Amino acid sequence: MFNFPAYVTVWGRVGRVSFVALSLTVLLFLVLPILVVMPLSFNSQPYFTYPLPGLSLRWYQEFFGSSDWMLALKNTMITGVVSTVIATLLGVTASLGLTSSRIRGKQLITAILISPMIVPLIITAVGVYFAFSPLGLTGSLVGLILSHAALGAPFVVVTVTATLAGFNETLSRAGRSLGASPLRVFLQVKLPIIAPGVVSGALFAFATSFDEIVVALFLTGPDQRTIPRQMWAGIREQLSPTILAVACLLVVISTLLLLTLEALRRRTERLRGSSHVA
């Protein structure tokens, strides 16, 4: 008469509680190193020890007051924003082509497009270095932007293609039947619906560029250092709590990106449901 969940029995409840406890334990194991490191960025002394002798924001002040760190932040933001725009344009265009019924060999094309996600970064970095070196693109932000765009485009392709898979093409046909051009149909009908997928892919591309270091080590010089490369140099030359302050800021930015992606995912599900109803 009633459909009770499987865990209403004693053993079912025990299994459910054990699963939740195990999941929380694994989550704590993964997050604990971050939770341990973050308080050290507020240490008043340049020591990595507990208990903290005092609390201070001096390392955050040193980060925002350092010309080297500010230059690295500027290079990181320029590279991240420009490469994200390029990756988004390329990824959306490729996704539209992959969802077309007239395209043959979609699996092969998809494999080639997402290959930067699979190939180890060290191999990509070496290949990009030898490809860009004759063109004079090494030691410049232009080469780093192009390489980061290539690394970020596969994320846009994956997210936008997944979003287009649930798009109701009847809406596009209705727009064309009313006399709208294909470009207008895309901008006013399709793009607003797949916008969450486009933004999600763009955020993934930006996060990839913001955190990438291997390619940056090959293509950038002292004047083109990014935040990850500056952190790497700081670890090698002189270990300072300023690096921990930067790491905390990166964790905060990553958390905000994840929350944004989750909000976009939920909005995509709602739009997909309304699109099917229409």
C-alpha atoms as a PDB file:
ATOM      1  CA  MET A   1       0.000   0.000   0.000  1.00  0.00           C
ATOM      2  CA  PHE A   2       2.821   2.348   0.900  1.00  0.00           C
ATOM      3  CA  ASN A   3       6.177   2.526  -0.836  1.00  0.00           C
ATOM      4  CA  PHE A   4       8.692   2.948   1.959  1.00  0.00           C
ATOM      5  CA  PRO A   5      12.354   3.703   1.169  1.00  0.00           C
ATOM      6  CA  ALA A   6      14.709   0.744   1.309  1.00  0.00           C
ATOM      7  CA  TYR A   7      16.496   2.061   4.394  1.00  0.00           C
ATOM      8  CA  VAL A   8      13.425   1.979   6.709  1.00  0.00           C
ATOM      9  CA  THR A   9      14.698  -1.349   8.005  1.00  0.00           C
ATOM     10  CA  VAL A  10      17.372  -1.433  10.677  1.00  0.00           C
ATOM     11  CA  TRP A  11      20.094  -2.667   8.339  1.00  0.00           C
ATOM     12  CA  GLY A  12      18.985  -0.222   5.694  1.00  0.00           C
ATOM     13  CA  ARG A  13      19.376   2.664   8.097  1.00  0.00           C
ATOM     14  CA  VAL A  14      22.740   1.351   9.274  1.00  0.00           C
ATOM     15  CA  GLY A  15      23.938   1.171   5.665  1.00  0.00           C
ATOM     16  CA  ARG A  16      22.721   4.696   4.948  1.00  0.00           C
ATOM     17  CA  VAL A  17      24.370   6.143   8.055  1.00  0.00           C
ATOM     18  CA  SER A  18      27.597   4.261   7.263  1.00  0.00           C
ATOM     19  CA  PHE A  19      27.586   5.612   3.714  1.00  0.00           C
ATOM     20  CA  VAL A  20      27.099   9.185   4.932  1.00  0.00           C
ATOM     21  CA  ALA A  21      29.830   8.777   7.551  1.00  0.00           C
ATOM     22  CA  LEU A  22      32.254   7.342   4.997  1.00  0.00           C
ATOM     23  CA  SER A  23      31.511  10.162   2.546  1.00  0.00           C
ATOM     24  CA  LEU A  24      32.092  12.803   5.231  1.00  0.00           C
ATOM     25  CA  THR A  25      35.346  11.095   6.256  1.00  0.00           C
ATOM     26  CA  VAL A  26      36.648  11.110   2.672  1.00  0.00           C
ATOM     27  CA  LEU A  27      35.585  14.748   2.268  1.00  0.00           C
ATOM     28  CA  LEU A  28      37.357  15.720   5.487  1.00  0.00           C
ATOM     29  CA  PHE A  29      40.482  13.841   4.367  1.00  0.00           C
ATOM     30  CA  LEU A  30      40.549  15.829   1.114  1.00  0.00           C
ATOM     31  CA  VAL A  31      39.768  19.216   2.658  1.00  0.00           C
ATOM     32  CA  LEU A  32      41.868  18.903   5.825  1.00  0.00           C
ATOM     33  CA  PRO A  33      45.198  19.978   4.204  1.00  0.00           C
ATOM     34  CA  ILE A  34      43.545  23.191   3.032  1.00  0.00           C
ATOM     35  CA  LEU A  35      41.964  23.804   6.426  1.00  0.00           C
ATOM     36  CA  VAL A  36      45.342  23.330   8.105  1.00  0.00           C
ATOM     37  CA  VAL A  37      47.217  25.672   5.767  1.00  0.00           C
ATOM     38  CA  MET A  38      44.720  28.552   5.665  1.00  0.00           C
ATOM     39  CA  PRO A  39      45.154  29.729   9.308  1.00  0.00           C
ATOM     40  CA  LEU A  40      48.915  29.983   8.750  1.00  0.00           C
ATOM     41  CA  SER A  41      48.306  32.844   6.312  1.00  0.00           C
ATOM     42  CA  PHE A  42      47.097  34.918   9.289  1.00  0.00           C
ATOM     43  CA  ASN A  43      50.208  34.169  11.353  1.00  0.00           C
ATOM     44  CA  SER A  44      51.893  37.267  12.753  1.00  0.00           C
ATOM     45  CA  GLN A  45      55.297  35.605  12.486  1.00  0.00           C
ATOM     46  CA  PRO A  46      57.026  34.093   9.402  1.00  0.00           C
ATOM     47  CA  TYR A  47      56.899  30.586  10.839  1.00  0.00           C
ATOM     48  CA  PHE A  48      54.866  27.575   9.769  1.00  0.00           C
ATOM     49  CA  THR A  49      54.108  26.305  13.249  1.00  0.00           C
ATOM     50  CA  TYR A  50      51.161  25.768  15.551  1.00  0.00           C
ATOM     51  CA  PRO A  51      49.966  27.241  17.828  1.00  0.00           C
ATOM     52  CA  LEU A  52      49.999  30.651  16.180  1.00  0.00           C
ATOM     53  CA  PRO A  53      51.860  33.288  18.211  1.00  0.00           C
ATOM     54  CA  GLY A  54      49.394  35.904  16.974  1.00  0.00           C
ATOM     55  CA  LEU A  55      47.043  36.910  14.199  1.00  0.00           C
ATOM     56  CA  SER A  56      47.885  39.441  11.528  1.00  0.00           C
ATOM     57  CA  LEU A  57      47.016  40.489   7.976  1.00  0.00           C
ATOM     58  CA  ARG A  58      50.607  41.427   7.186  1.00  0.00           C
ATOM     59  CA  TRP A  59      51.020  38.730   4.522  1.00  0.00           C
ATOM     60  CA  TYR A  60      47.896  39.869   2.695  1.00  0.00           C
ATOM     61  CA  GLN A  61      49.172  43.436   2.889  1.00  0.00           C
ATOM     62  CA  GLU A  62      52.509  42.281   1.524  1.00  0.00           C
ATOM     63  CA  PHE A  63      50.747  40.578  -1.372  1.00  0.00           C
ATOM     64  CA  PHE A  64      48.708  43.647  -2.356  1.00  0.00           C
ATOM     65  CA  GLY A  65      51.670  45.955  -1.733  1.00  0.00           C
ATOM     66  CA  SER A  66      54.213  43.973  -3.752  1.00  0.00           C
ATOM     67  CA  SER A  67      54.897  45.133  -7.312  1.00  0.00           C
ATOM     68  CA  ASP A  68      55.938  41.595  -8.323  1.00  0.00           C
ATOM     69  CA  TRP A  69      52.716  40.025  -7.060  1.00  0.00           C
ATOM     70  CA  MET A  70      50.566  42.770  -8.572  1.00  0.00           C
ATOM     71  CA  LEU A  71      52.286  42.314 -11.939  1.00  0.00           C
ATOM     72  CA  ALA A  72      51.653  38.576 -11.687  1.00  0.00           C
ATOM     73  CA  LEU A  73      48.002  39.220 -10.797  1.00  0.00           C
ATOM     74  CA  LYS A  74      47.643  41.609 -13.744  1.00  0.00           C
ATOM     75  CA  ASN A  75      49.170  39.089 -16.156  1.00  0.00           C
ATOM     76  CA  THR A  76      46.972  36.328 -14.758  1.00  0.00           C
ATOM     77  CA  MET A  77      43.772  38.330 -15.158  1.00  0.00           C
ATOM     78  CA  ILE A  78      44.639  39.519 -18.680  1.00  0.00           C
ATOM     79  CA  THR A  79      45.559  36.009 -19.770  1.00  0.00           C
ATOM     80  CA  GLY A  80      42.545  34.447 -18.084  1.00  0.00           C
ATOM     81  CA  VAL A  81      39.950  36.878 -19.461  1.00  0.00           C
ATOM     82  CA  VAL A  82      41.245  37.048 -23.040  1.00  0.00           C
ATOM     83  CA  SER A  83      41.893  33.301 -23.318  1.00  0.00           C
ATOM     84  CA  THR A  84      38.412  32.618 -21.884  1.00  0.00           C
ATOM     85  CA  VAL A  85      36.770  34.829 -24.507  1.00  0.00           C
ATOM     86  CA  ILE A  86      38.688  33.085 -27.302  1.00  0.00           C
ATOM     87  CA  ALA A  87      38.009  29.627 -25.871  1.00  0.00           C
ATOM     88  CA  THR A  88      34.293  30.392 -25.479  1.00  0.00           C
ATOM     89  CA  LEU A  89      33.915  31.621 -29.055  1.00  0.00           C
ATOM     90  CA  LEU A  90      35.769  28.600 -30.439  1.00  0.00           C
ATOM     91  CA  GLY A  91      33.988  26.155 -28.143  1.00  0.00           C
ATOM     92  CA  VAL A  92      30.488  27.410 -28.892  1.00  0.00           C
ATOM     93  CA  THR A  93      31.154  27.401 -32.638  1.00  0.00           C
ATOM     94  CA  ALA A  94      32.524  23.853 -32.475  1.00  0.00           C
ATOM     95  CA  SER A  95      29.559  22.677 -30.385  1.00  0.00           C
ATOM     96  CA  LEU A  96      27.071  24.080 -32.882  1.00  0.00           C
ATOM     97  CA  GLY A  97      28.864  22.200 -35.628  1.00  0.00           C
ATOM     98  CA  LEU A  98      28.944  18.954 -33.657  1.00  0.00           C
ATOM     99  CA  THR A  99      25.193  19.059 -33.039  1.00  0.00           C
ATOM    100  CA  SER A 100      24.455  19.484 -36.731  1.00  0.00           C
ATOM    101  CA  SER A 101      23.112  16.384 -38.464  1.00  0.00           C
ATOM    102  CA  ARG A 102      25.104  17.178 -41.616  1.00  0.00           C
ATOM    103  CA  ILE A 103      28.500  16.752 -39.953  1.00  0.00           C
ATOM    104  CA  ARG A 104      30.194  13.375 -40.443  1.00  0.00           C
ATOM    105  CA  GLY A 105      32.857  11.855 -38.263  1.00  0.00           C
ATOM    106  CA  LYS A 106      31.618  13.576 -35.117  1.00  0.00           C
ATOM    107  CA  GLN A 107      33.336  11.127 -32.799  1.00  0.00           C
ATOM    108  CA  LEU A 108      36.734  11.700 -34.388  1.00  0.00           C
ATOM    109  CA  ILE A 109      36.270  15.473 -34.404  1.00  0.00           C
ATOM    110  CA  THR A 110      35.145  15.440 -30.770  1.00  0.00           C
ATOM    111  CA  ALA A 111      38.149  13.352 -29.776  1.00  0.00           C
ATOM    112  CA  ILE A 112      40.492  15.834 -31.444  1.00  0.00           C
ATOM    113  CA  LEU A 113      38.770  18.827 -29.860  1.00  0.00           C
ATOM    114  CA  ILE A 114      38.909  17.464 -26.318  1.00  0.00           C
ATOM    115  CA  SER A 115      42.410  15.998 -26.656  1.00  0.00           C
ATOM    116  CA  PRO A 116      43.985  18.895 -24.673  1.00  0.00           C
ATOM    117  CA  MET A 117      42.055  17.596 -21.658  1.00  0.00           C
ATOM    118  CA  ILE A 118      43.631  14.143 -22.020  1.00  0.00           C
ATOM    119  CA  VAL A 119      47.188  14.813 -23.193  1.00  0.00           C
ATOM    120  CA  PRO A 120      49.580  15.440 -20.251  1.00  0.00           C
ATOM    121  CA  LEU A 121      50.331  19.116 -19.796  1.00  0.00           C
ATOM    122  CA  ILE A 122      54.081  18.611 -20.013  1.00  0.00           C
ATOM    123  CA  ILE A 123      53.691  17.191 -23.516  1.00  0.00           C
ATOM    124  CA  THR A 124      51.378  20.040 -24.483  1.00  0.00           C
ATOM    125  CA  ALA A 125      53.820  22.584 -23.060  1.00  0.00           C
ATOM    126  CA  VAL A 126      56.783  21.162 -24.982  1.00  0.00           C
ATOM    127  CA  GLY A 127      54.774  20.983 -28.204  1.00  0.00           C
ATOM    128  CA  VAL A 128      53.480  24.537 -27.822  1.00  0.00           C
ATOM    129  CA  TYR A 129      56.971  25.809 -27.050  1.00  0.00           C
ATOM    130  CA  PHE A 130      58.494  24.337 -30.221  1.00  0.00           C
ATOM    131  CA  ALA A 131      55.500  25.490 -32.281  1.00  0.00           C
ATOM    132  CA  PHE A 132      55.523  29.055 -30.952  1.00  0.00           C
ATOM    133  CA  SER A 133      59.279  29.534 -30.773  1.00  0.00           C
ATOM    134  CA  PRO A 134      59.799  30.100 -34.544  1.00  0.00           C
ATOM    135  CA  LEU A 135      56.887  32.562 -34.487  1.00  0.00           C
ATOM    136  CA  GLY A 136      58.413  34.623 -31.692  1.00  0.00           C
ATOM    137  CA  LEU A 137      55.487  33.958 -29.355  1.00  0.00           C
ATOM    138  CA  THR A 138      57.565  32.656 -26.469  1.00  0.00           C
ATOM    139  CA  GLY A 139      58.283  35.072 -23.671  1.00  0.00           C
ATOM    140  CA  SER A 140      55.056  36.979 -24.367  1.00  0.00           C
ATOM    141  CA  LEU A 141      51.498  37.011 -23.078  1.00  0.00           C
ATOM    142  CA  VAL A 142      50.197  36.457 -26.617  1.00  0.00           C
ATOM    143  CA  GLY A 143      51.620  32.948 -26.760  1.00  0.00           C
ATOM    144  CA  LEU A 144      50.361  32.169 -23.260  1.00  0.00           C
ATOM    145  CA  ILE A 145      46.881  33.445 -24.113  1.00  0.00           C
ATOM    146  CA  LEU A 146      46.669  31.319 -27.255  1.00  0.00           C
ATOM    147  CA  SER A 147      47.876  28.203 -25.462  1.00  0.00           C
ATOM    148  CA  HIS A 148      45.456  28.737 -22.565  1.00  0.00           C
ATOM    149  CA  ALA A 149      42.632  29.268 -25.043  1.00  0.00           C
ATOM    150  CA  ALA A 150      43.464  25.892 -26.568  1.00  0.00           C
ATOM    151  CA  LEU A 151      43.432  24.319 -23.093  1.00  0.00           C
ATOM    152  CA  GLY A 152      40.127  25.927 -22.143  1.00  0.00           C
ATOM    153  CA  ALA A 153      38.187  25.352 -25.378  1.00  0.00           C
ATOM    154  CA  PRO A 154      37.536  21.621 -24.687  1.00  0.00           C
ATOM    155  CA  PHE A 155      35.681  22.497 -21.468  1.00  0.00           C
ATOM    156  CA  VAL A 156      33.419  24.843 -23.408  1.00  0.00           C
ATOM    157  CA  VAL A 157      32.837  22.172 -26.052  1.00  0.00           C
ATOM    158  CA  VAL A 158      31.837  19.574 -23.461  1.00  0.00           C
ATOM    159  CA  THR A 159      29.459  21.793 -21.472  1.00  0.00           C
ATOM    160  CA  VAL A 160      27.831  23.507 -24.451  1.00  0.00           C
ATOM    161  CA  THR A 161      27.428  20.237 -26.371  1.00  0.00           C
ATOM    162  CA  ALA A 162      25.746  18.678 -23.334  1.00  0.00           C
ATOM    163  CA  THR A 163      23.419  21.673 -23.065  1.00  0.00           C
ATOM    164  CA  LEU A 164      22.571  21.598 -26.777  1.00  0.00           C
ATOM    165  CA  ALA A 165      21.699  17.899 -26.477  1.00  0.00           C
ATOM    166  CA  GLY A 166      18.643  18.875 -24.439  1.00  0.00           C
ATOM    167  CA  PHE A 167      17.668  21.831 -26.617  1.00  0.00           C
ATOM    168  CA  ASN A 168      14.290  21.633 -28.356  1.00  0.00           C
ATOM    169  CA  GLU A 169      15.004  22.362 -32.014  1.00  0.00           C
ATOM    170  CA  THR A 170      11.322  23.072 -32.551  1.00  0.00           C
ATOM    171  CA  LEU A 171      11.979  26.516 -31.129  1.00  0.00           C
ATOM    172  CA  SER A 172      14.622  27.194 -33.794  1.00  0.00           C
ATOM    173  CA  ARG A 173      12.359  25.955 -36.579  1.00  0.00           C
ATOM    174  CA  ALA A 174       9.555  28.162 -35.271  1.00  0.00           C
ATOM    175  CA  GLY A 175      11.842  31.182 -35.349  1.00  0.00           C
ATOM    176  CA  ARG A 176      12.987  30.466 -38.896  1.00  0.00           C
ATOM    177  CA  SER A 177       9.401  29.931 -40.028  1.00  0.00           C
ATOM    178  CA  LEU A 178       8.611  33.445 -38.811  1.00  0.00           C
ATOM    179  CA  GLY A 179      11.293  34.884 -41.100  1.00  0.00           C
ATOM    180  CA  ALA A 180      14.187  35.248 -38.693  1.00  0.00           C
ATOM    181  CA  SER A 181      17.699  34.677 -39.998  1.00  0.00           C
ATOM    182  CA  PRO A 182      19.799  31.805 -38.574  1.00  0.00           C
ATOM    183  CA  LEU A 183      21.987  34.308 -36.721  1.00  0.00           C
ATOM    184  CA  ARG A 184      18.984  36.036 -35.174  1.00  0.00           C
ATOM    185  CA  VAL A 185      17.466  32.693 -34.172  1.00  0.00           C
ATOM    186  CA  PHE A 186      20.704  31.752 -32.463  1.00  0.00           C
ATOM    187  CA  LEU A 187      21.092  35.063 -30.640  1.00  0.00           C
ATOM    188  CA  GLN A 188      17.479  35.487 -29.554  1.00  0.00           C
ATOM    189  CA  VAL A 189      16.214  31.920 -29.209  1.00  0.00           C
ATOM    190  CA  LYS A 190      18.996  29.392 -28.739  1.00  0.00           C
ATOM    191  CA  LEU A 191      21.661  31.415 -26.934  1.00  0.00           C
ATOM    192  CA  PRO A 192      19.454  32.535 -24.002  1.00  0.00           C
ATOM    193  CA  ILE A 193      18.512  28.912 -23.324  1.00  0.00           C
ATOM    194  CA  ILE A 194      22.021  27.467 -23.576  1.00  0.00           C
ATOM    195  CA  ALA A 195      23.582  30.469 -21.800  1.00  0.00           C
ATOM    196  CA  PRO A 196      24.101  28.538 -18.516  1.00  0.00           C
ATOM    197  CA  GLY A 197      26.128  25.927 -20.383  1.00  0.00           C
ATOM    198  CA  VAL A 198      28.137  28.616 -22.167  1.00  0.00           C
ATOM    199  CA  VAL A 199      28.877  30.428 -18.907  1.00  0.00           C
ATOM    200  CA  SER A 200      29.776  27.143 -17.184  1.00  0.00           C
ATOM    201  CA  GLY A 201      32.259  26.300 -19.922  1.00  0.00           C
ATOM    202  CA  ALA A 202      33.695  29.810 -19.767  1.00  0.00           C
ATOM    203  CA  LEU A 203      34.168  29.504 -16.003  1.00  0.00           C
ATOM    204  CA  PHE A 204      35.946  26.174 -16.447  1.00  0.00           C
ATOM    205  CA  ALA A 205      38.183  27.737 -19.098  1.00  0.00           C
ATOM    206  CA  PHE A 206      38.967  30.691 -16.830  1.00  0.00           C
ATOM    207  CA  ALA A 207      39.734  28.396 -13.894  1.00  0.00           C
ATOM    208  CA  THR A 208      42.046  26.338 -16.108  1.00  0.00           C
ATOM    209  CA  SER A 209      43.961  29.434 -17.192  1.00  0.00           C
ATOM    210  CA  PHE A 210      43.997  30.927 -13.688  1.00  0.00           C
ATOM    211  CA  ASP A 211      45.585  27.826 -12.153  1.00  0.00           C
ATOM    212  CA  GLU A 212      47.853  26.657 -15.008  1.00  0.00           C
ATOM    213  CA  ILE A 213      51.620  26.621 -14.408  1.00  0.00           C
ATOM    214  CA  VAL A 214      53.288  24.038 -16.658  1.00  0.00           C
ATOM    215  CA  VAL A 215      52.722  25.870 -19.951  1.00  0.00           C
ATOM    216  CA  ALA A 216      53.461  29.181 -18.207  1.00  0.00           C
ATOM    217  CA  LEU A 217      56.890  27.889 -17.167  1.00  0.00           C
ATOM    218  CA  PHE A 218      57.738  27.191 -20.812  1.00  0.00           C
ATOM    219  CA  LEU A 219      56.285  30.302 -22.445  1.00  0.00           C
ATOM    220  CA  THR A 220      56.696  33.189 -20.007  1.00  0.00           C
ATOM    221  CA  GLY A 221      59.670  35.225 -18.905  1.00  0.00           C
ATOM    222  CA  PRO A 222      60.226  37.339 -15.781  1.00  0.00           C
ATOM    223  CA  ASP A 223      57.936  40.112 -17.053  1.00  0.00           C
ATOM    224  CA  GLN A 224      55.099  37.720 -17.929  1.00  0.00           C
ATOM    225  CA  ARG A 225      54.909  35.810 -14.668  1.00  0.00           C
ATOM    226  CA  THR A 226      51.459  34.681 -13.609  1.00  0.00           C
ATOM    227  CA  ILE A 227      50.247  33.991 -10.073  1.00  0.00           C
ATOM    228  CA  PRO A 228      50.982  30.226 -10.234  1.00  0.00           C
ATOM    229  CA  ARG A 229      54.456  30.837 -11.652  1.00  0.00           C
ATOM    230  CA  GLN A 230      55.168  33.515  -9.059  1.00  0.00           C
ATOM    231  CA  MET A 231      54.132  31.063  -6.334  1.00  0.00           C
ATOM    232  CA  TRP A 232      56.414  28.428  -7.855  1.00  0.00           C
ATOM    233  CA  ALA A 233      59.312  30.869  -7.921  1.00  0.00           C
ATOM    234  CA  GLY A 234      58.629  31.880  -4.331  1.00  0.00           C
ATOM    235  CA  ILE A 235      58.688  28.272  -3.157  1.00  0.00           C
ATOM    236  CA  ARG A 236      62.004  27.666  -4.893  1.00  0.00           C
ATOM    237  CA  GLU A 237      63.710  30.888  -3.849  1.00  0.00           C
ATOM    238  CA  GLN A 238      62.302  31.859  -0.461  1.00  0.00           C
ATOM    239  CA  LEU A 239      59.366  30.266   1.310  1.00  0.00           C
ATOM    240  CA  SER A 240      57.194  33.072   2.640  1.00  0.00           C
ATOM    241  CA  PRO A 241      53.745  33.080   4.283  1.00  0.00           C
ATOM    242  CA  THR A 242      52.725  35.450   1.488  1.00  0.00           C
ATOM    243  CA  ILE A 243      52.373  32.348  -0.678  1.00  0.00           C
ATOM    244  CA  LEU A 244      49.883  30.962   1.844  1.00  0.00           C
ATOM    245  CA  ALA A 245      47.891  34.198   1.666  1.00  0.00           C
ATOM    246  CA  VAL A 246      47.775  33.910  -2.122  1.00  0.00           C
ATOM    247  CA  ALA A 247      46.764  30.254  -1.814  1.00  0.00           C
ATOM    248  CA  CYS A 248      43.863  31.232   0.459  1.00  0.00           C
ATOM    249  CA  LEU A 249      42.700  33.805  -2.064  1.00  0.00           C
ATOM    250  CA  LEU A 250      42.837  31.159  -4.797  1.00  0.00           C
ATOM    251  CA  VAL A 251      40.775  28.794  -2.643  1.00  0.00           C
ATOM    252  CA  VAL A 252      38.151  31.503  -2.129  1.00  0.00           C
ATOM    253  CA  ILE A 253      38.021  32.229  -5.863  1.00  0.00           C
ATOM    254  CA  SER A 254      37.732  28.508  -6.678  1.00  0.00           C
ATOM    255  CA  THR A 255      34.923  28.105  -4.150  1.00  0.00           C
ATOM    256  CA  LEU A 256      33.010  31.016  -5.668  1.00  0.00           C
ATOM    257  CA  LEU A 257      33.442  29.488  -9.127  1.00  0.00           C
ATOM    258  CA  LEU A 258      32.112  26.141  -7.899  1.00  0.00           C
ATOM    259  CA  LEU A 259      29.081  27.788  -6.297  1.00  0.00           C
ATOM    260  CA  THR A 260      28.406  29.676  -9.515  1.00  0.00           C
ATOM    261  CA  LEU A 261      28.682  26.482 -11.545  1.00  0.00           C
ATOM    262  CA  GLU A 262      26.232  24.724  -9.233  1.00  0.00           C
ATOM    263  CA  ALA A 263      23.741  27.582  -9.582  1.00  0.00           C
ATOM    264  CA  LEU A 264      24.114  27.468 -13.359  1.00  0.00           C
ATOM    265  CA  ARG A 265      23.648  23.696 -13.367  1.00  0.00           C
ATOM    266  CA  ARG A 266      20.336  24.015 -11.551  1.00  0.00           C
ATOM    267  CA  ARG A 267      19.198  26.768 -13.878  1.00  0.00           C
ATOM    268  CA  THR A 268      20.121  24.613 -16.878  1.00  0.00           C
ATOM    269  CA  GLU A 269      17.975  21.770 -15.555  1.00  0.00           C
ATOM    270  CA  ARG A 270      15.006  24.097 -15.107  1.00  0.00           C
ATOM    271  CA  LEU A 271      15.411  25.581 -18.589  1.00  0.00           C
ATOM    272  CA  ARG A 272      15.787  22.128 -20.115  1.00  0.00           C
ATOM    273  CA  GLY A 273      12.560  21.028 -18.482  1.00  0.00           C
ATOM    274  CA  SER A 274      10.676  24.080 -19.709  1.00  0.00           C
ATOM    275  CA  SER A 275      12.161  23.596 -23.207  1.00  0.00           C
ATOM    276  CA  HIS A 276      10.829  20.031 -23.374  1.00  0.00           C
ATOM    277  CA  VAL A 277       7.415  21.167 -22.186  1.00  0.00           C
ATOM    278  CA  ALA A 278       7.324  23.770 -24.941  1.00  0.00           C
END
